[in-house]
PDB file of N, CA and C in Angstrom:
ATOM      1  N   TYR A   1     -93.481-126.282-164.318  1.00  0.00           N
ATOM      2  CA  TYR A   1     -93.487-124.983-163.701  1.00  0.00           C
ATOM      3  C   TYR A   1     -93.533-123.874-164.742  1.00  0.00           C
ATOM      4  N   SER A   2     -92.893-124.088-165.859  1.00  0.00           N
ATOM      5  CA  SER A   2     -92.882-123.047-166.884  1.00  0.00           C
ATOM      6  C   SER A   2     -94.268-122.839-167.491  1.00  0.00           C
ATOM      7  N   ILE A   3     -95.036-123.912-167.649  1.00  0.00           N
ATOM      8  CA  ILE A   3     -96.386-123.763-168.208  1.00  0.00           C
ATOM      9  C   ILE A   3     -97.245-122.907-167.283  1.00  0.00           C
ATOM     10  N   ALA A   4     -97.254-123.235-166.006  1.00  0.00           N
ATOM     11  CA  ALA A   4     -98.065-122.475-165.047  1.00  0.00           C
ATOM     12  C   ALA A   4     -97.584-121.034-164.950  1.00  0.00           C
ATOM     13  N   PHE A   5     -96.281-120.838-164.997  1.00  0.00           N
ATOM     14  CA  PHE A   5     -95.718-119.490-164.920  1.00  0.00           C
ATOM     15  C   PHE A   5     -96.123-118.669-166.141  1.00  0.00           C
ATOM     16  N   GLN A   6     -95.961-119.232-167.324  1.00  0.00           N
ATOM     17  CA  GLN A   6     -96.285-118.506-168.553  1.00  0.00           C
ATOM     18  C   GLN A   6     -97.789-118.337-168.755  1.00  0.00           C
ATOM     19  N   ALA A   7     -98.580-119.220-168.172  1.00  0.00           N
ATOM     20  CA  ALA A   7    -100.040-119.164-168.345  1.00  0.00           C
ATOM     21  C   ALA A   7    -100.650-117.882-167.792  1.00  0.00           C
ATOM     22  N   LYS A   8     -99.911-117.169-166.982  1.00  0.00           N
ATOM     23  CA  LYS A   8    -100.420-115.890-166.462  1.00  0.00           C
ATOM     24  C   LYS A   8    -100.562-114.851-167.571  1.00  0.00           C
ATOM     25  N   VAL A   9     -99.826-115.042-168.677  1.00  0.00           N
ATOM     26  CA  VAL A   9     -99.834-114.029-169.738  1.00  0.00           C
ATOM     27  C   VAL A   9    -100.124-114.578-171.133  1.00  0.00           C
ATOM     28  N   THR A  10    -100.327-115.875-171.261  1.00  0.00           N
ATOM     29  CA  THR A  10    -100.616-116.450-172.574  1.00  0.00           C
ATOM     30  C   THR A  10    -101.539-117.660-172.428  1.00  0.00           C
ATOM     31  N   ASP A  11    -102.278-117.921-173.481  1.00  0.00           N
ATOM     32  CA  ASP A  11    -103.155-119.093-173.512  1.00  0.00           C
ATOM     33  C   ASP A  11    -102.639-120.156-174.481  1.00  0.00           C
ATOM     34  N   ARG A  12    -101.397-120.062-174.882  1.00  0.00           N
ATOM     35  CA  ARG A  12    -100.851-121.021-175.851  1.00  0.00           C
ATOM     36  C   ARG A  12    -100.923-122.455-175.340  1.00  0.00           C
ATOM     37  N   TRP A  13    -100.902-122.630-174.038  1.00  0.00           N
ATOM     38  CA  TRP A  13    -100.981-123.974-173.443  1.00  0.00           C
ATOM     39  C   TRP A  13    -102.278-124.681-173.824  1.00  0.00           C
ATOM     40  N   LYS A  14    -103.322-123.902-174.119  1.00  0.00           N
ATOM     41  CA  LYS A  14    -104.613-124.506-174.477  1.00  0.00           C
ATOM     42  C   LYS A  14    -104.512-125.377-175.731  1.00  0.00           C
ATOM     43  N   LEU A  15    -103.576-125.048-176.604  1.00  0.00           N
ATOM     44  CA  LEU A  15    -103.391-125.825-177.828  1.00  0.00           C
ATOM     45  C   LEU A  15    -102.928-127.253-177.534  1.00  0.00           C
ATOM     46  N   LEU A  16    -102.381-127.481-176.354  1.00  0.00           N
ATOM     47  CA  LEU A  16    -101.888-128.810-175.974  1.00  0.00           C
ATOM     48  C   LEU A  16    -102.950-129.671-175.294  1.00  0.00           C
ATOM     49  N   CYS A  17    -104.056-129.084-174.920  1.00  0.00           N
ATOM     50  CA  CYS A  17    -105.107-129.839-174.220  1.00  0.00           C
ATOM     51  C   CYS A  17    -105.570-131.078-174.984  1.00  0.00           C
ATOM     52  N   PRO A  18    -105.787-131.001-176.299  1.00  0.00           N
ATOM     53  CA  PRO A  18    -106.229-132.203-177.015  1.00  0.00           C
ATOM     54  C   PRO A  18    -105.244-133.373-176.920  1.00  0.00           C
ATOM     55  N   ILE A  19    -103.970-133.095-176.794  1.00  0.00           N
ATOM     56  CA  ILE A  19    -102.972-134.163-176.663  1.00  0.00           C
ATOM     57  C   ILE A  19    -103.250-135.009-175.424  1.00  0.00           C
ATOM     58  N   PHE A  20    -103.796-134.373-174.399  1.00  0.00           N
ATOM     59  CA  PHE A  20    -104.103-135.057-173.142  1.00  0.00           C
ATOM     60  C   PHE A  20    -105.587-135.412-173.034  1.00  0.00           C
ATOM     61  N   ASN A  21    -106.281-135.366-174.166  1.00  0.00           N
ATOM     62  CA  ASN A  21    -107.719-135.684-174.219  1.00  0.00           C
ATOM     63  C   ASN A  21    -108.546-134.830-173.261  1.00  0.00           C
ATOM     64  N   ILE A  22    -108.190-133.579-173.164  1.00  0.00           N
ATOM     65  CA  ILE A  22    -108.917-132.647-172.304  1.00  0.00           C
ATOM     66  C   ILE A  22    -109.882-131.847-173.165  1.00  0.00           C
ATOM     67  N   GLN A  23    -111.148-131.915-172.825  1.00  0.00           N
ATOM     68  CA  GLN A  23    -112.174-131.138-173.515  1.00  0.00           C
ATOM     69  C   GLN A  23    -112.110-129.695-173.013  1.00  0.00           C
ATOM     70  N   VAL A  24    -112.035-128.750-173.922  1.00  0.00           N
ATOM     71  CA  VAL A  24    -111.884-127.354-173.532  1.00  0.00           C
ATOM     72  C   VAL A  24    -113.213-126.609-173.431  1.00  0.00           C
ATOM     73  N   GLU A  25    -114.261-127.163-173.998  1.00  0.00           N
ATOM     74  CA  GLU A  25    -115.549-126.478-174.011  1.00  0.00           C
ATOM     75  C   GLU A  25    -116.181-126.474-172.619  1.00  0.00           C
ATOM     76  N   ASN A  26    -116.898-125.395-172.335  1.00  0.00           N
ATOM     77  CA  ASN A  26    -117.700-125.246-171.114  1.00  0.00           C
ATOM     78  C   ASN A  26    -116.884-125.338-169.828  1.00  0.00           C
ATOM     79  N   LYS A  27    -115.657-124.865-169.870  1.00  0.00           N
ATOM     80  CA  LYS A  27    -114.810-124.832-168.676  1.00  0.00           C
ATOM     81  C   LYS A  27    -114.216-123.446-168.542  1.00  0.00           C
ATOM     82  N   SER A  28    -114.091-122.998-167.319  1.00  0.00           N
ATOM     83  CA  SER A  28    -113.421-121.720-167.098  1.00  0.00           C
ATOM     84  C   SER A  28    -111.933-121.888-167.398  1.00  0.00           C
ATOM     85  N   ARG A  29    -111.267-120.787-167.643  1.00  0.00           N
ATOM     86  CA  ARG A  29    -109.829-120.825-167.906  1.00  0.00           C
ATOM     87  C   ARG A  29    -109.099-121.470-166.736  1.00  0.00           C
ATOM     88  N   GLU A  30    -109.459-121.075-165.527  1.00  0.00           N
ATOM     89  CA  GLU A  30    -108.801-121.608-164.328  1.00  0.00           C
ATOM     90  C   GLU A  30    -109.013-123.118-164.204  1.00  0.00           C
ATOM     91  N   GLU A  31    -110.244-123.556-164.415  1.00  0.00           N
ATOM     92  CA  GLU A  31    -110.552-124.987-164.339  1.00  0.00           C
ATOM     93  C   GLU A  31    -109.780-125.768-165.408  1.00  0.00           C
ATOM     94  N   LEU A  32    -109.738-125.221-166.606  1.00  0.00           N
ATOM     95  CA  LEU A  32    -109.034-125.876-167.702  1.00  0.00           C
ATOM     96  C   LEU A  32    -107.530-125.943-167.424  1.00  0.00           C
ATOM     97  N   LEU A  33    -106.962-124.851-166.938  1.00  0.00           N
ATOM     98  CA  LEU A  33    -105.533-124.831-166.622  1.00  0.00           C
ATOM     99  C   LEU A  33    -105.209-125.842-165.528  1.00  0.00           C
ATOM    100  N   ASP A  34    -106.009-125.882-164.480  1.00  0.00           N
ATOM    101  CA  ASP A  34    -105.784-126.861-163.404  1.00  0.00           C
ATOM    102  C   ASP A  34    -105.820-128.287-163.945  1.00  0.00           C
ATOM    103  N   GLU A  35    -106.799-128.573-164.794  1.00  0.00           N
ATOM    104  CA  GLU A  35    -106.921-129.916-165.371  1.00  0.00           C
ATOM    105  C   GLU A  35    -105.721-130.236-166.265  1.00  0.00           C
ATOM    106  N   PHE A  36    -105.299-129.255-167.046  1.00  0.00           N
ATOM    107  CA  PHE A  36    -104.157-129.459-167.933  1.00  0.00           C
ATOM    108  C   PHE A  36    -102.874-129.694-167.141  1.00  0.00           C
ATOM    109  N   LEU A  37    -102.629-128.864-166.133  1.00  0.00           N
ATOM    110  CA  LEU A  37    -101.415-129.025-165.329  1.00  0.00           C
ATOM    111  C   LEU A  37    -101.397-130.374-164.622  1.00  0.00           C
ATOM    112  N   GLN A  38    -102.555-130.816-164.138  1.00  0.00           N
ATOM    113  CA  GLN A  38    -102.626-132.128-163.495  1.00  0.00           C
ATOM    114  C   GLN A  38    -102.348-133.234-164.509  1.00  0.00           C
ATOM    115  N   ALA A  39    -102.852-133.082-165.718  1.00  0.00           N
ATOM    116  CA  ALA A  39    -102.605-134.081-166.764  1.00  0.00           C
ATOM    117  C   ALA A  39    -101.118-134.163-167.104  1.00  0.00           C
ATOM    118  N   VAL A  40    -100.459-133.018-167.148  1.00  0.00           N
ATOM    119  CA  VAL A  40     -99.017-133.008-167.415  1.00  0.00           C
ATOM    120  C   VAL A  40     -98.274-133.713-166.279  1.00  0.00           C
ATOM    121  N   LYS A  41     -98.637-133.400-165.037  1.00  0.00           N
ATOM    122  CA  LYS A  41     -98.003-134.064-163.883  1.00  0.00           C
ATOM    123  C   LYS A  41     -98.261-135.568-163.909  1.00  0.00           C
ATOM    124  N   ASP A  42     -99.482-135.950-164.215  1.00  0.00           N
ATOM    125  CA  ASP A  42     -99.814-137.379-164.297  1.00  0.00           C
ATOM    126  C   ASP A  42     -98.977-138.069-165.374  1.00  0.00           C
ATOM    127  N   PHE A  43     -98.794-137.396-166.499  1.00  0.00           N
ATOM    128  CA  PHE A  43     -97.982-137.959-167.573  1.00  0.00           C
ATOM    129  C   PHE A  43     -96.535-138.139-167.114  1.00  0.00           C
ATOM    130  N   ILE A  44     -95.985-137.120-166.480  1.00  0.00           N
ATOM    131  CA  ILE A  44     -94.604-137.204-165.986  1.00  0.00           C
ATOM    132  C   ILE A  44     -94.468-138.357-165.003  1.00  0.00           C
ATOM    133  N   GLU A  45     -95.422-138.478-164.093  1.00  0.00           N
ATOM    134  CA  GLU A  45     -95.392-139.568-163.115  1.00  0.00           C
ATOM    135  C   GLU A  45     -95.556-140.930-163.790  1.00  0.00           C
ATOM    136  N   SER A  46     -96.321-140.989-164.881  1.00  0.00           N
ATOM    137  CA  SER A  46     -96.493-142.264-165.598  1.00  0.00           C
ATOM    138  C   SER A  46     -95.181-142.739-166.211  1.00  0.00           C
ATOM    139  N   LEU A  47     -94.257-141.821-166.400  1.00  0.00           N
ATOM    140  CA  LEU A  47     -92.929-142.157-166.908  1.00  0.00           C
ATOM    141  C   LEU A  47     -91.965-142.483-165.771  1.00  0.00           C
ATOM    142  N   ASP A  48     -92.506-142.505-164.548  1.00  0.00           N
ATOM    143  CA  ASP A  48     -91.718-142.727-163.335  1.00  0.00           C
ATOM    144  C   ASP A  48     -90.650-141.647-163.167  1.00  0.00           C
ATOM    145  N   ALA A  49     -91.021-140.440-163.548  1.00  0.00           N
ATOM    146  CA  ALA A  49     -90.125-139.298-163.427  1.00  0.00           C
ATOM    147  C   ALA A  49     -90.624-138.383-162.309  1.00  0.00           C
ATOM    148  N   PRO A  50     -89.734-137.631-161.704  1.00  0.00           N
ATOM    149  CA  PRO A  50     -90.138-136.746-160.610  1.00  0.00           C
ATOM    150  C   PRO A  50     -90.829-135.484-161.121  1.00  0.00           C
ATOM    151  N   VAL A  51     -91.761-134.967-160.332  1.00  0.00           N
ATOM    152  CA  VAL A  51     -92.409-133.698-160.670  1.00  0.00           C
ATOM    153  C   VAL A  51     -91.884-132.561-159.798  1.00  0.00           C
ATOM    154  N   CYS A  52     -90.954-132.883-158.908  1.00  0.00           N
ATOM    155  CA  CYS A  52     -90.289-131.851-158.119  1.00  0.00           C
ATOM    156  C   CYS A  52     -88.862-132.309-157.832  1.00  0.00           C
ATOM    157  N   VAL A  53     -88.014-131.375-157.504  1.00  0.00           N
ATOM    158  CA  VAL A  53     -86.594-131.670-157.327  1.00  0.00           C
ATOM    159  C   VAL A  53     -86.356-132.630-156.171  1.00  0.00           C
ATOM    160  N   LYS A  54     -87.067-132.458-155.065  1.00  0.00           N
ATOM    161  CA  LYS A  54     -86.812-133.302-153.889  1.00  0.00           C
ATOM    162  C   LYS A  54     -87.091-134.775-154.155  1.00  0.00           C
ATOM    163  N   ASP A  55     -87.877-135.090-155.181  1.00  0.00           N
ATOM    164  CA  ASP A  55     -88.207-136.479-155.502  1.00  0.00           C
ATOM    165  C   ASP A  55     -87.264-137.112-156.525  1.00  0.00           C
ATOM    166  N   MET A  56     -86.263-136.364-156.952  1.00  0.00           N
ATOM    167  CA  MET A  56     -85.325-136.918-157.927  1.00  0.00           C
ATOM    168  C   MET A  56     -84.545-138.072-157.311  1.00  0.00           C
ATOM    169  N   LYS A  57     -84.331-139.101-158.109  1.00  0.00           N
ATOM    170  CA  LYS A  57     -83.613-140.290-157.640  1.00  0.00           C
ATOM    171  C   LYS A  57     -82.231-140.429-158.281  1.00  0.00           C
ATOM    172  N   ASN A  58     -82.073-139.883-159.472  1.00  0.00           N
ATOM    173  CA  ASN A  58     -80.799-140.029-160.157  1.00  0.00           C
ATOM    174  C   ASN A  58     -80.501-138.778-160.965  1.00  0.00           C
ATOM    175  N   PRO A  59     -79.765-137.847-160.430  1.00  0.00           N
ATOM    176  CA  PRO A  59     -79.073-137.922-159.151  1.00  0.00           C
ATOM    177  C   PRO A  59     -79.977-137.495-157.998  1.00  0.00           C
ATOM    178  N   VAL A  60     -79.662-137.978-156.830  1.00  0.00           N
ATOM    179  CA  VAL A  60     -80.341-137.517-155.615  1.00  0.00           C
ATOM    180  C   VAL A  60     -79.750-136.155-155.262  1.00  0.00           C
ATOM    181  N   ILE A  61     -80.620-135.203-155.011  1.00  0.00           N
ATOM    182  CA  ILE A  61     -80.176-133.858-154.633  1.00  0.00           C
ATOM    183  C   ILE A  61     -80.750-133.568-153.259  1.00  0.00           C
ATOM    184  N   ASN A  62     -79.870-133.322-152.299  1.00  0.00           N
ATOM    185  CA  ASN A  62     -80.407-133.036-150.967  1.00  0.00           C
ATOM    186  C   ASN A  62     -80.729-131.549-150.848  1.00  0.00           C
ATOM    187  N   LYS A  63     -81.620-131.253-149.939  1.00  0.00           N
ATOM    188  CA  LYS A  63     -82.157-129.898-149.786  1.00  0.00           C
ATOM    189  C   LYS A  63     -81.059-128.880-149.502  1.00  0.00           C
ATOM    190  N   GLU A  64     -80.142-129.221-148.627  1.00  0.00           N
ATOM    191  CA  GLU A  64     -79.083-128.275-148.265  1.00  0.00           C
ATOM    192  C   GLU A  64     -78.227-127.923-149.479  1.00  0.00           C
ATOM    193  N   ASP A  65     -77.814-128.924-150.249  1.00  0.00           N
ATOM    194  CA  ASP A  65     -77.011-128.662-151.447  1.00  0.00           C
ATOM    195  C   ASP A  65     -77.785-127.823-152.463  1.00  0.00           C
ATOM    196  N   TYR A  66     -79.049-128.160-152.640  1.00  0.00           N
ATOM    197  CA  TYR A  66     -79.882-127.438-153.601  1.00  0.00           C
ATOM    198  C   TYR A  66     -79.959-125.955-153.247  1.00  0.00           C
ATOM    199  N   PHE A  67     -80.298-125.663-152.008  1.00  0.00           N
ATOM    200  CA  PHE A  67     -80.465-124.264-151.624  1.00  0.00           C
ATOM    201  C   PHE A  67     -79.130-123.538-151.487  1.00  0.00           C
ATOM    202  N   ASP A  68     -78.053-124.270-151.190  1.00  0.00           N
ATOM    203  CA  ASP A  68     -76.723-123.651-151.169  1.00  0.00           C
ATOM    204  C   ASP A  68     -76.299-123.196-152.559  1.00  0.00           C
ATOM    205  N   LYS A  69     -76.777-123.880-153.580  1.00  0.00           N
ATOM    206  CA  LYS A  69     -76.380-123.570-154.962  1.00  0.00           C
ATOM    207  C   LYS A  69     -77.462-122.807-155.729  1.00  0.00           C
ATOM    208  N   LEU A  70     -78.433-122.304-155.016  1.00  0.00           N
ATOM    209  CA  LEU A  70     -79.544-121.610-155.661  1.00  0.00           C
ATOM    210  C   LEU A  70     -79.085-120.384-156.450  1.00  0.00           C
ATOM    211  N   ASP A  71     -78.141-119.635-155.923  1.00  0.00           N
ATOM    212  CA  ASP A  71     -77.656-118.451-156.642  1.00  0.00           C
ATOM    213  C   ASP A  71     -77.016-118.836-157.977  1.00  0.00           C
ATOM    214  N   LEU A  72     -76.305-119.957-157.999  1.00  0.00           N
ATOM    215  CA  LEU A  72     -75.703-120.429-159.243  1.00  0.00           C
ATOM    216  C   LEU A  72     -76.783-120.861-160.239  1.00  0.00           C
ATOM    217  N   LEU A  73     -77.810-121.541-159.743  1.00  0.00           N
ATOM    218  CA  LEU A  73     -78.940-121.920-160.604  1.00  0.00           C
ATOM    219  C   LEU A  73     -79.595-120.684-161.212  1.00  0.00           C
ATOM    220  N   ILE A  74     -79.787-119.670-160.401  1.00  0.00           N
ATOM    221  CA  ILE A  74     -80.402-118.426-160.867  1.00  0.00           C
ATOM    222  C   ILE A  74     -79.540-117.788-161.951  1.00  0.00           C
ATOM    223  N   GLU A  75     -78.235-117.782-161.731  1.00  0.00           N
ATOM    224  CA  GLU A  75     -77.313-117.215-162.719  1.00  0.00           C
ATOM    225  C   GLU A  75     -77.396-117.982-164.045  1.00  0.00           C
ATOM    226  N   TYR A  76     -77.380-119.312-163.965  1.00  0.00           N
ATOM    227  CA  TYR A  76     -77.496-120.128-165.180  1.00  0.00           C
ATOM    228  C   TYR A  76     -78.827-119.874-165.889  1.00  0.00           C
ATOM    229  N   ALA A  77     -79.897-119.798-165.130  1.00  0.00           N
ATOM    230  CA  ALA A  77     -81.219-119.573-165.722  1.00  0.00           C
ATOM    231  C   ALA A  77     -81.287-118.210-166.407  1.00  0.00           C
ATOM    232  N   ALA A  78     -80.729-117.200-165.761  1.00  0.00           N
ATOM    233  CA  ALA A  78     -80.758-115.849-166.324  1.00  0.00           C
ATOM    234  C   ALA A  78     -79.947-115.767-167.616  1.00  0.00           C
ATOM    235  N   ASP A  79     -78.884-116.578-167.712  1.00  0.00           N
ATOM    236  CA  ASP A  79     -78.030-116.573-168.899  1.00  0.00           C
ATOM    237  C   ASP A  79     -78.538-117.493-170.008  1.00  0.00           C
ATOM    238  N   ASP A  80     -79.545-118.292-169.717  1.00  0.00           N
ATOM    239  CA  ASP A  80     -80.069-119.242-170.689  1.00  0.00           C
ATOM    240  C   ASP A  80     -80.920-118.515-171.734  1.00  0.00           C
ATOM    241  N   ALA A  81     -80.780-118.932-172.975  1.00  0.00           N
ATOM    242  CA  ALA A  81     -81.528-118.291-174.065  1.00  0.00           C
ATOM    243  C   ALA A  81     -83.034-118.397-173.881  1.00  0.00           C
ATOM    244  N   VAL A  82     -83.501-119.437-173.205  1.00  0.00           N
ATOM    245  CA  VAL A  82     -84.939-119.612-172.998  1.00  0.00           C
ATOM    246  C   VAL A  82     -85.524-118.437-172.215  1.00  0.00           C
ATOM    247  N   SER A  83     -84.764-117.902-171.271  1.00  0.00           N
ATOM    248  CA  SER A  83     -85.293-116.778-170.490  1.00  0.00           C
ATOM    249  C   SER A  83     -85.508-115.543-171.360  1.00  0.00           C
ATOM    250  N   LEU A  84     -84.753-115.440-172.440  1.00  0.00           N
ATOM    251  CA  LEU A  84     -84.919-114.303-173.352  1.00  0.00           C
ATOM    252  C   LEU A  84     -86.215-114.381-174.141  1.00  0.00           C
ATOM    253  N   THR A  85     -86.749-115.582-174.309  1.00  0.00           N
ATOM    254  CA  THR A  85     -87.968-115.758-175.094  1.00  0.00           C
ATOM    255  C   THR A  85     -89.210-115.921-174.222  1.00  0.00           C
ATOM    256  N   SER A  86     -89.061-115.694-172.940  1.00  0.00           N
ATOM    257  CA  SER A  86     -90.181-115.831-172.013  1.00  0.00           C
ATOM    258  C   SER A  86     -91.274-114.813-172.333  1.00  0.00           C
ATOM    259  N   PHE A  87     -92.519-115.248-172.226  1.00  0.00           N
ATOM    260  CA  PHE A  87     -93.645-114.329-172.412  1.00  0.00           C
ATOM    261  C   PHE A  87     -93.751-113.356-171.243  1.00  0.00           C
ATOM    262  N   ARG A  88     -93.185-113.726-170.108  1.00  0.00           N
ATOM    263  CA  ARG A  88     -93.180-112.860-168.928  1.00  0.00           C
ATOM    264  C   ARG A  88     -91.772-112.339-168.702  1.00  0.00           C
ATOM    265  N   SER A  89     -91.682-111.125-168.212  1.00  0.00           N
ATOM    266  CA  SER A  89     -90.380-110.573-167.866  1.00  0.00           C
ATOM    267  C   SER A  89     -89.794-111.368-166.714  1.00  0.00           C
ATOM    268  N   MET A  90     -88.517-111.663-166.815  1.00  0.00           N
ATOM    269  CA  MET A  90     -87.854-112.467-165.802  1.00  0.00           C
ATOM    270  C   MET A  90     -86.948-111.594-164.942  1.00  0.00           C
ATOM    271  N   SER A  91     -86.723-112.052-163.725  1.00  0.00           N
ATOM    272  CA  SER A  91     -85.807-111.388-162.807  1.00  0.00           C
ATOM    273  C   SER A  91     -85.202-112.446-161.903  1.00  0.00           C
ATOM    274  N   ALA A  92     -84.128-112.095-161.238  1.00  0.00           N
ATOM    275  CA  ALA A  92     -83.495-113.032-160.302  1.00  0.00           C
ATOM    276  C   ALA A  92     -84.481-113.446-159.217  1.00  0.00           C
ATOM    277  N   LYS A  93     -85.297-112.514-158.766  1.00  0.00           N
ATOM    278  CA  LYS A  93     -86.278-112.833-157.722  1.00  0.00           C
ATOM    279  C   LYS A  93     -87.294-113.871-158.219  1.00  0.00           C
ATOM    280  N   LEU A  94     -87.765-113.710-159.447  1.00  0.00           N
ATOM    281  CA  LEU A  94     -88.713-114.679-160.008  1.00  0.00           C
ATOM    282  C   LEU A  94     -88.072-116.052-160.173  1.00  0.00           C
ATOM    283  N   PHE A  95     -86.846-116.076-160.701  1.00  0.00           N
ATOM    284  CA  PHE A  95     -86.145-117.355-160.831  1.00  0.00           C
ATOM    285  C   PHE A  95     -86.009-118.030-159.470  1.00  0.00           C
ATOM    286  N   LYS A  96     -85.637-117.257-158.473  1.00  0.00           N
ATOM    287  CA  LYS A  96     -85.459-117.825-157.131  1.00  0.00           C
ATOM    288  C   LYS A  96     -86.762-118.445-156.633  1.00  0.00           C
ATOM    289  N   THR A  97     -87.849-117.730-156.792  1.00  0.00           N
ATOM    290  CA  THR A  97     -89.144-118.239-156.328  1.00  0.00           C
ATOM    291  C   THR A  97     -89.540-119.502-157.090  1.00  0.00           C
ATOM    292  N   ILE A  98     -89.328-119.512-158.392  1.00  0.00           N
ATOM    293  CA  ILE A  98     -89.640-120.705-159.187  1.00  0.00           C
ATOM    294  C   ILE A  98     -88.821-121.894-158.698  1.00  0.00           C
ATOM    295  N   PHE A  99     -87.535-121.691-158.478  1.00  0.00           N
ATOM    296  CA  PHE A  99     -86.683-122.786-158.003  1.00  0.00           C
ATOM    297  C   PHE A  99     -87.071-123.238-156.601  1.00  0.00           C
ATOM    298  N   GLU A 100     -87.487-122.310-155.753  1.00  0.00           N
ATOM    299  CA  GLU A 100     -87.958-122.697-154.413  1.00  0.00           C
ATOM    300  C   GLU A 100     -89.218-123.549-154.524  1.00  0.00           C
ATOM    301  N   TYR A 101     -90.132-123.149-155.381  1.00  0.00           N
ATOM    302  CA  TYR A 101     -91.359-123.922-155.587  1.00  0.00           C
ATOM    303  C   TYR A 101     -91.042-125.290-156.194  1.00  0.00           C
ATOM    304  N   ALA A 102     -90.089-125.312-157.121  1.00  0.00           N
ATOM    305  CA  ALA A 102     -89.735-126.560-157.800  1.00  0.00           C
ATOM    306  C   ALA A 102     -89.142-127.583-156.837  1.00  0.00           C
ATOM    307  N   TRP A 103     -88.512-127.119-155.774  1.00  0.00           N
ATOM    308  CA  TRP A 103     -87.952-128.066-154.805  1.00  0.00           C
ATOM    309  C   TRP A 103     -89.048-128.975-154.243  1.00  0.00           C
ATOM    310  N   SER A 104     -90.139-128.357-153.798  1.00  0.00           N
ATOM    311  CA  SER A 104     -91.165-129.120-153.082  1.00  0.00           C
ATOM    312  C   SER A 104     -92.367-129.501-153.943  1.00  0.00           C
ATOM    313  N   GLY A 105     -92.441-128.949-155.143  1.00  0.00           N
ATOM    314  CA  GLY A 105     -93.584-129.245-156.000  1.00  0.00           C
ATOM    315  C   GLY A 105     -94.752-128.305-155.787  1.00  0.00           C
ATOM    316  N   GLN A 106     -94.498-127.183-155.154  1.00  0.00           N
ATOM    317  CA  GLN A 106     -95.558-126.205-154.905  1.00  0.00           C
ATOM    318  C   GLN A 106     -96.048-125.629-156.234  1.00  0.00           C
ATOM    319  N   ASN A 107     -97.350-125.478-156.370  1.00  0.00           N
ATOM    320  CA  ASN A 107     -97.934-124.914-157.586  1.00  0.00           C
ATOM    321  C   ASN A 107     -97.578-123.444-157.725  1.00  0.00           C
ATOM    322  N   ILE A 108     -97.283-123.036-158.944  1.00  0.00           N
ATOM    323  CA  ILE A 108     -96.995-121.633-159.234  1.00  0.00           C
ATOM    324  C   ILE A 108     -98.277-120.831-159.021  1.00  0.00           C
ATOM    325  N   ASP A 109     -98.193-119.825-158.175  1.00  0.00           N
ATOM    326  CA  ASP A 109     -99.375-119.020-157.840  1.00  0.00           C
ATOM    327  C   ASP A 109     -99.093-117.524-157.964  1.00  0.00           C
ATOM    328  N   PHE A 110     -98.125-117.193-158.775  1.00  0.00           N
ATOM    329  CA  PHE A 110     -97.757-115.783-158.931  1.00  0.00           C
ATOM    330  C   PHE A 110     -97.563-115.439-160.396  1.00  0.00           C
TER     331      PHE A 110
END
C-alpha cells in the first residue's frame, strides 16, 4: 500500500522494477506501476503471506476488532517515524483510508 500511495508523487519505485524482471521501456507510467504492484503482490503471495489484513492467518484479525481499533492504529501510524519521511503529506484521514483499503486489499486510488 505504501508503494502505491507514494507513487502519486515519486518515481523511486521504478528503480525496483529490474528486481522483478520488469522491462521499463515502451510502457506508460500507469502500465508500469500496475505491473510492478502486481509483481510485488505475486511475490508476497509466493511467500504464502497475506496481501490484505482480512487474509491474515497468524494472528487472525476479525473485521469488527480491526475497525474498532482503527483510531488506535491511526494514532500509532501518525506517531511512527516513517510517517515523517513520507513523500506525501500525511493526515489522520489519509491513514484511515489506507487502513480501510488494507483490510480488503483494495488498490490505492487516491
